[in-house]
Amino acid sequence: MTKWLIKCDRCGTESVFNAGYDLTNLGSKLYLYCEKCKRNTEHTVLGYYDDDTNEFIPFEKALSFRYKSL
């Protein structure tokens, strides 16, 4: 599982979203339930935490070939 950092576009709350797939294939926006807003809202993908180094990789950098999952 990859830990992705996402931000609610409505209230600005940042949260970690665990996904078993590469979110860069879906674009930078997701439509998910926000606990604070109590409704489904659009979220922006900010990046992910590398499993090996726990380093944060910004979304724009994750799009490059070097960081793409195989």
N, C-alpha and C. Protein backbone atom coordinates (compact mmCIF):
# COMPACT_ATOMS: atom_id res chain seq x y z
N MET A 1 0.84 -1.18 0.00
CA MET A 1 0.00 0.00 0.00
C MET A 1 0.89 1.25 0.00
N THR A 2 0.48 2.19 -0.79
CA THR A 2 1.20 3.46 -0.85
C THR A 2 0.41 4.51 -0.09
N LYS A 3 1.11 5.31 0.71
CA LYS A 3 0.47 6.39 1.47
C LYS A 3 0.53 7.67 0.64
N TRP A 4 -0.63 8.14 0.22
CA TRP A 4 -0.75 9.37 -0.56
C TRP A 4 -1.25 10.48 0.33
N LEU A 5 -0.68 11.67 0.21
CA LEU A 5 -1.16 12.83 0.94
C LEU A 5 -2.15 13.56 0.05
N ILE A 6 -3.37 13.74 0.55
CA ILE A 6 -4.42 14.41 -0.22
C ILE A 6 -4.95 15.58 0.59
N LYS A 7 -5.55 16.55 -0.11
CA LYS A 7 -6.09 17.75 0.54
C LYS A 7 -7.49 18.02 0.01
N CYS A 8 -8.43 18.20 0.92
CA CYS A 8 -9.81 18.52 0.54
C CYS A 8 -9.85 19.92 -0.06
N ASP A 9 -10.43 20.05 -1.24
CA ASP A 9 -10.51 21.34 -1.91
C ASP A 9 -11.54 22.27 -1.25
N ARG A 10 -12.43 21.71 -0.47
CA ARG A 10 -13.49 22.52 0.16
C ARG A 10 -13.04 23.11 1.49
N CYS A 11 -12.47 22.27 2.37
CA CYS A 11 -12.10 22.75 3.70
C CYS A 11 -10.59 22.86 3.92
N GLY A 12 -9.80 22.25 3.04
CA GLY A 12 -8.34 22.35 3.15
C GLY A 12 -7.69 21.33 4.07
N THR A 13 -8.47 20.39 4.58
CA THR A 13 -7.92 19.37 5.47
C THR A 13 -7.04 18.40 4.70
N GLU A 14 -5.83 18.18 5.21
CA GLU A 14 -4.92 17.21 4.61
C GLU A 14 -5.05 15.89 5.33
N SER A 15 -5.00 14.79 4.58
CA SER A 15 -5.09 13.47 5.18
C SER A 15 -4.28 12.48 4.34
N VAL A 16 -4.01 11.33 4.94
CA VAL A 16 -3.28 10.28 4.25
C VAL A 16 -4.29 9.27 3.70
N PHE A 17 -4.13 8.95 2.43
CA PHE A 17 -5.02 8.01 1.75
C PHE A 17 -4.18 6.81 1.31
N ASN A 18 -4.50 5.62 1.83
CA ASN A 18 -3.77 4.41 1.47
C ASN A 18 -4.39 3.80 0.22
N ALA A 19 -3.56 3.58 -0.78
CA ALA A 19 -4.06 3.00 -2.03
C ALA A 19 -3.09 1.94 -2.53
N GLY A 20 -3.63 0.92 -3.15
CA GLY A 20 -2.83 -0.15 -3.71
C GLY A 20 -2.54 0.07 -5.18
N TYR A 21 -2.71 1.28 -5.67
CA TYR A 21 -2.48 1.59 -7.07
C TYR A 21 -1.87 2.98 -7.20
N ASP A 22 -1.34 3.27 -8.36
CA ASP A 22 -0.65 4.52 -8.63
C ASP A 22 -1.66 5.61 -8.98
N LEU A 23 -1.82 6.60 -8.11
CA LEU A 23 -2.80 7.66 -8.34
C LEU A 23 -2.39 8.63 -9.44
N THR A 24 -1.13 8.60 -9.86
CA THR A 24 -0.72 9.49 -10.95
C THR A 24 -1.40 9.11 -12.25
N ASN A 25 -1.85 7.86 -12.37
CA ASN A 25 -2.58 7.42 -13.56
C ASN A 25 -3.98 8.03 -13.63
N LEU A 26 -4.51 8.47 -12.50
CA LEU A 26 -5.86 9.02 -12.44
C LEU A 26 -5.88 10.54 -12.53
N GLY A 27 -4.74 11.18 -12.46
CA GLY A 27 -4.68 12.64 -12.44
C GLY A 27 -4.50 13.14 -11.02
N SER A 28 -4.59 14.45 -10.85
CA SER A 28 -4.31 15.04 -9.54
C SER A 28 -5.56 15.25 -8.69
N LYS A 29 -6.73 14.86 -9.17
CA LYS A 29 -7.98 15.07 -8.43
C LYS A 29 -8.69 13.74 -8.17
N LEU A 30 -9.25 13.63 -6.97
CA LEU A 30 -10.06 12.48 -6.57
C LEU A 30 -11.34 13.00 -5.92
N TYR A 31 -12.40 12.24 -6.03
CA TYR A 31 -13.66 12.58 -5.39
C TYR A 31 -13.88 11.58 -4.26
N LEU A 32 -13.69 12.03 -3.00
CA LEU A 32 -13.75 11.15 -1.84
C LEU A 32 -14.57 11.78 -0.72
N TYR A 33 -14.91 10.97 0.27
CA TYR A 33 -15.63 11.46 1.44
C TYR A 33 -14.66 12.21 2.36
N CYS A 34 -15.05 13.39 2.80
CA CYS A 34 -14.26 14.19 3.74
C CYS A 34 -14.92 14.10 5.11
N GLU A 35 -14.14 13.67 6.10
CA GLU A 35 -14.66 13.54 7.47
C GLU A 35 -15.08 14.89 8.05
N LYS A 36 -14.35 15.95 7.74
CA LYS A 36 -14.66 17.26 8.29
C LYS A 36 -15.90 17.88 7.63
N CYS A 37 -15.99 17.77 6.30
CA CYS A 37 -17.13 18.33 5.57
C CYS A 37 -18.38 17.47 5.69
N LYS A 38 -18.18 16.20 6.03
CA LYS A 38 -19.29 15.22 6.13
C LYS A 38 -20.01 15.03 4.80
N ARG A 39 -19.24 15.06 3.71
CA ARG A 39 -19.81 14.84 2.38
C ARG A 39 -18.68 14.45 1.42
N ASN A 40 -19.07 13.99 0.24
CA ASN A 40 -18.10 13.69 -0.80
C ASN A 40 -17.64 15.01 -1.43
N THR A 41 -16.34 15.20 -1.49
CA THR A 41 -15.77 16.42 -2.05
C THR A 41 -14.57 16.07 -2.93
N GLU A 42 -14.16 17.03 -3.72
CA GLU A 42 -12.99 16.85 -4.56
C GLU A 42 -11.74 17.05 -3.70
N HIS A 43 -10.76 16.17 -3.90
CA HIS A 43 -9.50 16.24 -3.19
C HIS A 43 -8.36 16.34 -4.20
N THR A 44 -7.33 17.09 -3.85
CA THR A 44 -6.13 17.21 -4.67
C THR A 44 -5.06 16.29 -4.11
N VAL A 45 -4.43 15.53 -4.98
CA VAL A 45 -3.32 14.65 -4.58
C VAL A 45 -2.07 15.51 -4.49
N LEU A 46 -1.47 15.58 -3.30
CA LEU A 46 -0.29 16.40 -3.09
C LEU A 46 1.01 15.63 -3.34
N GLY A 47 0.95 14.31 -3.15
CA GLY A 47 2.14 13.47 -3.35
C GLY A 47 2.01 12.19 -2.56
N TYR A 48 3.13 11.49 -2.41
CA TYR A 48 3.10 10.23 -1.66
C TYR A 48 4.36 10.09 -0.81
N TYR A 49 4.30 9.19 0.16
CA TYR A 49 5.44 8.87 1.01
C TYR A 49 6.08 7.59 0.49
N ASP A 50 7.37 7.68 0.16
CA ASP A 50 8.11 6.53 -0.35
C ASP A 50 8.15 5.43 0.71
N ASP A 51 7.84 4.20 0.33
CA ASP A 51 7.79 3.09 1.27
C ASP A 51 9.15 2.76 1.87
N ASP A 52 10.21 2.91 1.10
CA ASP A 52 11.55 2.53 1.56
C ASP A 52 12.20 3.61 2.43
N THR A 53 12.11 4.86 2.01
CA THR A 53 12.80 5.95 2.70
C THR A 53 11.88 6.81 3.56
N ASN A 54 10.58 6.65 3.40
CA ASN A 54 9.56 7.48 4.07
C ASN A 54 9.70 8.96 3.69
N GLU A 55 10.36 9.21 2.55
CA GLU A 55 10.52 10.57 2.03
C GLU A 55 9.24 10.97 1.30
N PHE A 56 8.83 12.24 1.46
CA PHE A 56 7.66 12.73 0.75
C PHE A 56 8.04 13.12 -0.67
N ILE A 57 7.32 12.58 -1.65
CA ILE A 57 7.54 12.89 -3.06
C ILE A 57 6.35 13.70 -3.56
N PRO A 58 6.56 14.98 -3.93
CA PRO A 58 5.44 15.80 -4.43
C PRO A 58 4.84 15.21 -5.71
N PHE A 59 3.56 15.49 -5.95
CA PHE A 59 2.83 14.91 -7.08
C PHE A 59 3.52 15.21 -8.41
N GLU A 60 3.99 16.44 -8.61
CA GLU A 60 4.63 16.81 -9.87
C GLU A 60 5.89 15.96 -10.12
N LYS A 61 6.62 15.69 -9.05
CA LYS A 61 7.83 14.87 -9.15
C LYS A 61 7.46 13.40 -9.39
N ALA A 62 6.35 12.97 -8.82
CA ALA A 62 5.88 11.59 -8.97
C ALA A 62 5.51 11.27 -10.41
N LEU A 63 5.19 12.30 -11.19
CA LEU A 63 4.83 12.10 -12.60
C LEU A 63 6.04 11.76 -13.46
N SER A 64 7.24 12.09 -13.00
CA SER A 64 8.44 11.83 -13.80
C SER A 64 8.73 10.34 -13.87
N PHE A 65 9.42 9.93 -14.89
CA PHE A 65 9.71 8.52 -15.13
C PHE A 65 10.50 7.89 -13.99
N ARG A 66 11.35 8.67 -13.35
CA ARG A 66 12.20 8.16 -12.27
C ARG A 66 11.37 7.63 -11.11
N TYR A 67 10.25 8.24 -10.82
CA TYR A 67 9.43 7.87 -9.67
C TYR A 67 8.22 7.02 -10.04
N LYS A 68 8.01 6.73 -11.30
CA LYS A 68 6.86 5.93 -11.73
C LYS A 68 6.97 4.50 -11.20
N SER A 69 5.85 3.95 -10.77
CA SER A 69 5.84 2.55 -10.35
C SER A 69 5.88 1.67 -11.58
N LEU A 70 6.49 0.54 -11.43
CA LEU A 70 6.63 -0.39 -12.57
C LEU A 70 5.50 -1.37 -12.65
